[in-house]
Protein backbone atom coordinates (compact mmCIF):
# COMPACT_ATOMS: atom_id res chain seq x y z
CA MET A 1 0.00 0.00 0.00
CA ASN A 2 1.18 3.48 -0.66
CA ASN A 3 2.11 6.07 1.91
CA ASP A 4 -1.09 8.02 1.20
CA PHE A 5 -3.09 5.16 2.74
CA TYR A 6 -1.06 5.33 5.96
CA GLN A 7 -1.29 9.13 6.12
CA LYS A 8 -5.09 8.93 5.90
CA LEU A 9 -5.17 6.06 8.39
CA GLY A 10 -3.07 8.07 10.83
CA ARG A 11 -5.37 11.06 10.48
CA ASN A 12 -8.41 8.86 11.16
CA ILE A 13 -6.78 7.32 14.24
CA LYS A 14 -5.85 10.78 15.54
CA ALA A 15 -9.33 12.18 14.87
CA ARG A 16 -11.04 9.27 16.65
CA ARG A 17 -8.61 9.49 19.57
CA LYS A 18 -9.40 13.19 19.95
CA GLU A 19 -13.16 12.52 19.68
CA LEU A 20 -12.78 10.28 22.71
CA GLY A 21 -10.73 12.88 24.57
CA LEU A 22 -7.63 10.68 24.75
CA THR A 23 -4.05 11.87 24.59
CA GLN A 24 -1.48 9.96 22.59
CA GLN A 25 0.01 8.79 25.88
CA GLN A 26 -3.32 7.50 27.19
CA LEU A 27 -4.00 5.53 24.03
CA ALA A 28 -0.44 4.21 23.90
CA ASP A 29 -0.77 3.04 27.50
CA LYS A 30 -4.11 1.31 26.78
CA MET A 31 -2.52 -0.49 23.84
CA ASP A 32 0.79 -1.24 25.58
CA ILE A 33 2.80 0.50 22.85
CA SER A 34 5.34 3.30 23.17
CA LEU A 35 4.35 6.93 22.86
CA ASN A 36 6.97 7.21 20.12
CA PHE A 37 5.35 4.42 18.06
CA MET A 38 1.92 5.93 18.67
CA GLY A 39 3.04 9.28 17.30
CA LYS A 40 4.79 7.71 14.32
CA ILE A 41 1.62 5.86 13.32
CA GLU A 42 -0.42 9.06 13.40
CA VAL A 43 2.02 10.77 11.01
CA ALA A 44 2.67 7.68 8.85
CA PHE A 45 6.34 7.25 9.77
CA SER A 46 5.44 3.77 11.01
CA LYS A 47 2.98 1.36 9.48
CA PRO A 48 0.88 -0.67 11.92
CA SER A 49 0.41 -4.39 11.43
CA LEU A 50 -3.08 -5.76 10.98
CA ASP A 51 -3.05 -6.96 14.59
CA THR A 52 -2.12 -3.46 15.78
CA LEU A 53 -4.82 -1.94 13.59
CA ILE A 54 -7.38 -4.29 15.16
CA GLU A 55 -6.19 -3.21 18.61
CA PHE A 56 -6.58 0.45 17.62
CA ALA A 57 -10.15 -0.24 16.56
CA LYS A 58 -10.93 -2.01 19.85
CA ASN A 59 -9.36 0.69 21.99
CA LEU A 60 -11.01 3.48 20.01
CA ASP A 61 -14.42 1.78 20.19
CA THR A 62 -14.74 1.62 16.42
CA THR A 63 -14.05 -0.80 13.58
CA VAL A 64 -11.11 -1.36 11.27
CA SER A 65 -13.50 -0.54 8.45
CA ASP A 66 -14.21 2.88 9.96
CA LEU A 67 -10.53 3.59 10.53
CA THR A 68 -9.77 2.77 6.90
CA ARG A 69 -12.73 4.64 5.41
CA PHE A 70 -11.39 7.61 3.47
CA ASP A 71 -14.41 8.59 1.35
CA ASN A 72 -14.55 12.00 3.06
CA GLU A 73 -10.99 12.72 1.94
CA ASN A 74 -10.00 14.58 -1.20
């Protein structure tokens, strides 16, 4: 997948995290990942595995489908 996918994914993760009022640190702690990795995913420097993406969906009370839905993007 191209980097554009991961940039949009990161924006969706960040938006959902903020909707829930969570900081990067709080979400990283819930997921047992480093704050550094959390931040890198949100800006597409790191690409999460499918398992990690599933954990994001669980911890953000959403679905993988919603996190990867980009139809509102340009």
